[in-house]
Amino acid sequence: MEMSTLVAVVCTLAIFSFLYRDNPFYRMAEHILIGLSVGFTLVMLYNSVLVPKLLRPLFLEVDLWGIIPLLLGLTMLARMKRSLAKFSKPALALMIGSGAGLSIPAMFEARILRQLAASVEPFAMVGRGEELSFIFICSMIISLIGVISAMVYFFYTRPDTKLIGSISRTGVYFLMIFFGATFGYTVTSRLTLLIGRMEFLLGDFLSIL
């Protein structure tokens, strides 16, 4: 048996020991996992960010523009001392502002525009005169009802009428179905991880499978 397999078995059993109760073996495996994750992240950042985007341009290519991110990065370390923490605010503001400026358009396109396009595309197919099956038409209508009713539910300034209340309640049902499906997908993915670990223990370690 290889040493890597034995180490993986010990760590797996240590993690599974939490099913009984919290114990030193579980905490040891937890600390090892966190330490390995942090170490792997630091190595990846050094090889993919620090060296190609700062050290090589600054010291090998003599690109003096690299001094600006170097100074901003060093000011971030000022937060380690409370009296110098104010010097890190410009770097934090730049990082948060640029991150928001890059993420907001991307999230708007992914979460709103593409969802709207997916909701409208079936009706565009109808407008083009394409032949659609009965099941597709039914799913299209159900999707339309779900989108409209869910939007009405989140429209908090809506008039309090019986019709609007019924549509809003229908949106709640669609949201409950969505949350149930999301929870089911999460449970299924966790079961997949469990099956993978059991296959490792029974196959690679015990050679039963």
Protein backbone atom coordinates (compact mmCIF):
# COMPACT_ATOMS: atom_id res chain seq x y z
CA MET A 1 0.00 0.00 0.00
CA GLU A 2 1.31 3.43 -0.90
CA MET A 3 1.94 5.96 1.85
CA SER A 4 -0.35 8.51 0.16
CA THR A 5 -3.25 6.04 0.30
CA LEU A 6 -2.64 5.34 3.97
CA VAL A 7 -2.53 9.06 4.79
CA ALA A 8 -5.75 9.63 2.84
CA VAL A 9 -7.46 6.78 4.73
CA VAL A 10 -6.38 8.15 8.12
CA CYS A 11 -7.60 11.65 7.24
CA THR A 12 -10.90 10.31 5.89
CA LEU A 13 -11.59 8.27 9.04
CA ALA A 14 -10.61 11.26 11.17
CA ILE A 15 -13.17 13.43 9.37
CA PHE A 16 -15.84 10.71 9.65
CA SER A 17 -15.18 10.49 13.40
CA PHE A 18 -17.12 13.75 13.77
CA LEU A 19 -20.28 11.69 13.16
CA TYR A 20 -19.76 10.31 16.67
CA ARG A 21 -18.75 13.56 18.35
CA ASP A 22 -16.14 16.30 18.23
CA ASN A 23 -12.73 14.84 19.01
CA PRO A 24 -8.99 15.62 18.64
CA PHE A 25 -8.68 13.45 15.51
CA TYR A 26 -11.32 15.46 13.70
CA ARG A 27 -9.77 18.76 14.76
CA MET A 28 -6.36 17.53 13.60
CA ALA A 29 -7.74 16.63 10.16
CA GLU A 30 -9.59 19.95 10.00
CA HIS A 31 -6.43 21.91 10.75
CA ILE A 32 -4.48 19.89 8.18
CA LEU A 33 -7.11 20.61 5.54
CA ILE A 34 -7.13 24.34 6.28
CA GLY A 35 -3.34 24.49 6.34
CA LEU A 36 -3.02 22.66 3.04
CA SER A 37 -5.65 24.91 1.46
CA VAL A 38 -3.89 28.08 2.62
CA GLY A 39 -0.49 26.78 1.52
CA PHE A 40 -1.78 25.73 -1.89
CA THR A 41 -3.46 29.13 -2.35
CA LEU A 42 -0.29 31.00 -1.41
CA VAL A 43 1.81 28.96 -3.85
CA MET A 44 -0.73 29.49 -6.63
CA LEU A 45 -0.84 33.24 -5.98
CA TYR A 46 2.95 33.43 -5.96
CA ASN A 47 3.33 31.53 -9.23
CA SER A 48 0.36 32.99 -11.11
CA VAL A 49 0.15 36.56 -9.77
CA LEU A 50 3.18 37.78 -7.85
CA VAL A 51 5.93 36.48 -10.15
CA PRO A 52 4.43 37.12 -13.64
CA LYS A 53 2.61 40.36 -12.81
CA LEU A 54 4.95 42.07 -10.34
CA LEU A 55 8.40 40.62 -9.80
CA ARG A 56 9.24 39.75 -13.41
CA PRO A 57 8.02 43.06 -14.94
CA LEU A 58 9.59 45.12 -12.15
CA PHE A 59 13.02 43.51 -11.79
CA LEU A 60 13.61 41.72 -15.11
CA GLU A 61 11.75 43.92 -17.61
CA VAL A 62 12.41 47.11 -15.58
CA ASP A 63 8.77 48.23 -15.85
CA LEU A 64 8.58 50.96 -13.22
CA TRP A 65 4.78 50.96 -13.32
CA GLY A 66 4.99 47.89 -11.11
CA ILE A 67 6.01 50.12 -8.21
CA ILE A 68 2.41 51.34 -7.87
CA PRO A 69 0.81 47.93 -7.14
CA LEU A 70 3.84 47.07 -4.98
CA LEU A 71 3.30 50.12 -2.79
CA LEU A 72 -0.45 49.54 -2.63
CA GLY A 73 0.15 45.95 -1.62
CA LEU A 74 2.61 46.98 1.09
CA THR A 75 0.12 49.49 2.50
CA MET A 76 -2.32 46.60 2.99
CA LEU A 77 0.12 45.21 5.56
CA ALA A 78 -0.34 48.40 7.57
CA ARG A 79 -3.58 46.96 8.93
CA MET A 80 -1.50 44.67 11.11
CA LYS A 81 -0.83 47.70 13.35
CA ARG A 82 -3.79 49.77 14.48
CA SER A 83 -1.97 53.10 14.41
CA LEU A 84 -1.00 52.56 10.76
CA ALA A 85 -4.29 51.04 9.58
CA LYS A 86 -5.42 54.32 7.97
CA PHE A 87 -2.72 53.99 5.30
CA SER A 88 -4.39 50.84 3.97
CA LYS A 89 -7.71 52.58 3.21
CA PRO A 90 -6.78 53.82 -0.32
CA ALA A 91 -5.68 50.33 -1.36
CA LEU A 92 -8.83 48.79 0.14
CA ALA A 93 -11.03 51.38 -1.57
CA LEU A 94 -9.36 50.71 -4.91
CA MET A 95 -9.68 46.94 -4.51
CA ILE A 96 -13.32 47.04 -3.43
CA GLY A 97 -14.28 49.62 -6.06
CA SER A 98 -12.58 47.82 -8.92
CA GLY A 99 -14.00 44.49 -7.75
CA ALA A 100 -17.52 45.91 -7.64
CA GLY A 101 -17.06 47.59 -11.02
CA LEU A 102 -16.02 44.30 -12.60
CA SER A 103 -18.49 42.03 -10.83
CA ILE A 104 -21.68 44.10 -11.09
CA PRO A 105 -21.89 44.10 -14.94
CA ALA A 106 -20.92 40.42 -15.04
CA MET A 107 -23.51 39.47 -12.43
CA PHE A 108 -26.13 41.67 -14.13
CA GLU A 109 -25.57 39.84 -17.40
CA ALA A 110 -25.47 36.37 -15.84
CA ARG A 111 -28.30 36.77 -13.31
CA ILE A 112 -30.70 39.11 -15.14
CA LEU A 113 -30.06 39.50 -18.87
CA ARG A 114 -29.47 35.81 -19.59
CA GLN A 115 -32.44 34.82 -17.44
CA LEU A 116 -34.64 37.28 -19.32
CA ALA A 117 -33.32 35.97 -22.64
CA ALA A 118 -34.06 32.40 -21.60
CA SER A 119 -37.60 33.39 -20.62
CA VAL A 120 -38.29 35.26 -23.87
CA GLU A 121 -36.61 32.85 -26.29
CA PRO A 122 -39.53 30.33 -26.39
CA PHE A 123 -41.93 33.09 -27.40
CA ALA A 124 -39.51 34.23 -30.08
CA MET A 125 -39.65 30.67 -31.42
CA VAL A 126 -43.43 30.96 -31.58
CA GLY A 127 -43.11 34.27 -33.41
CA ARG A 128 -40.81 32.66 -35.99
CA GLY A 129 -43.47 30.05 -36.66
CA GLU A 130 -41.43 27.07 -35.49
CA GLU A 131 -43.21 23.82 -34.72
CA LEU A 132 -43.32 23.19 -30.98
CA SER A 133 -44.41 20.11 -29.10
CA PHE A 134 -47.30 20.16 -26.63
CA ILE A 135 -44.97 19.49 -23.70
CA PHE A 136 -42.72 22.38 -24.72
CA ILE A 137 -45.69 24.75 -24.94
CA CYS A 138 -46.92 23.66 -21.50
CA SER A 139 -43.47 24.16 -19.97
CA MET A 140 -43.26 27.56 -21.64
CA ILE A 141 -46.57 28.64 -20.13
CA ILE A 142 -45.63 27.31 -16.67
CA SER A 143 -42.30 29.13 -16.86
CA LEU A 144 -44.06 32.37 -17.81
CA ILE A 145 -46.49 32.03 -14.91
CA GLY A 146 -43.63 31.31 -12.52
CA VAL A 147 -41.57 34.31 -13.64
CA ILE A 148 -44.46 36.77 -13.48
CA SER A 149 -45.84 35.52 -10.15
CA ALA A 150 -42.40 35.50 -8.50
CA MET A 151 -41.76 39.06 -9.70
CA VAL A 152 -45.14 40.14 -8.33
CA TYR A 153 -44.28 38.58 -4.97
CA PHE A 154 -41.14 40.72 -4.71
CA PHE A 155 -43.00 43.86 -5.80
CA TYR A 156 -43.62 45.17 -2.28
CA THR A 157 -45.48 48.32 -3.33
CA ARG A 158 -48.15 46.36 -5.18
CA PRO A 159 -51.81 47.18 -4.50
CA ASP A 160 -53.43 44.93 -1.92
CA THR A 161 -56.11 43.33 -4.07
CA LYS A 162 -57.40 39.78 -4.18
CA LEU A 163 -56.06 39.12 -7.69
CA ILE A 164 -52.56 40.44 -6.89
CA GLY A 165 -52.55 38.45 -3.64
CA SER A 166 -53.40 35.24 -5.53
CA ILE A 167 -50.66 35.85 -8.09
CA SER A 168 -48.20 36.60 -5.29
CA ARG A 169 -49.16 33.38 -3.48
CA THR A 170 -48.56 31.45 -6.70
CA GLY A 171 -45.08 33.00 -6.83
CA VAL A 172 -44.46 31.70 -3.31
CA TYR A 173 -45.27 28.17 -4.49
CA PHE A 174 -42.81 28.48 -7.36
CA LEU A 175 -40.16 29.79 -4.98
CA MET A 176 -40.76 26.85 -2.63
CA ILE A 177 -40.32 24.44 -5.54
CA PHE A 178 -37.09 26.20 -6.49
CA PHE A 179 -35.70 26.07 -2.95
CA GLY A 180 -36.70 22.41 -2.63
CA ALA A 181 -34.98 21.53 -5.90
CA THR A 182 -31.86 23.45 -4.82
CA PHE A 183 -31.81 21.63 -1.48
CA GLY A 184 -32.27 18.30 -3.24
CA TYR A 185 -29.38 19.07 -5.58
CA THR A 186 -27.19 19.97 -2.58
CA VAL A 187 -28.05 16.72 -0.79
CA THR A 188 -27.37 14.73 -3.96
CA SER A 189 -23.97 16.36 -4.43
CA ARG A 190 -23.04 15.58 -0.81
CA LEU A 191 -24.13 11.98 -1.27
CA THR A 192 -21.93 11.81 -4.36
CA LEU A 193 -18.95 12.90 -2.25
CA LEU A 194 -19.83 10.28 0.38
CA ILE A 195 -20.07 7.56 -2.26
CA GLY A 196 -16.68 8.59 -3.61
CA ARG A 197 -15.10 8.31 -0.16
CA MET A 198 -16.74 4.93 0.47
CA GLU A 199 -15.49 3.65 -2.89
CA PHE A 200 -12.01 4.80 -1.91
CA LEU A 201 -12.15 3.06 1.48
CA LEU A 202 -13.69 -0.18 0.19
CA GLY A 203 -11.78 -0.26 -3.09
CA ASP A 204 -8.35 1.32 -2.86
CA PHE A 205 -7.84 0.56 0.84
CA LEU A 206 -9.67 -2.69 1.63
CA SER A 207 -9.83 -3.99 -1.98
CA ILE A 208 -13.37 -5.27 -1.42
CA LEU A 209 -14.85 -3.62 -4.51
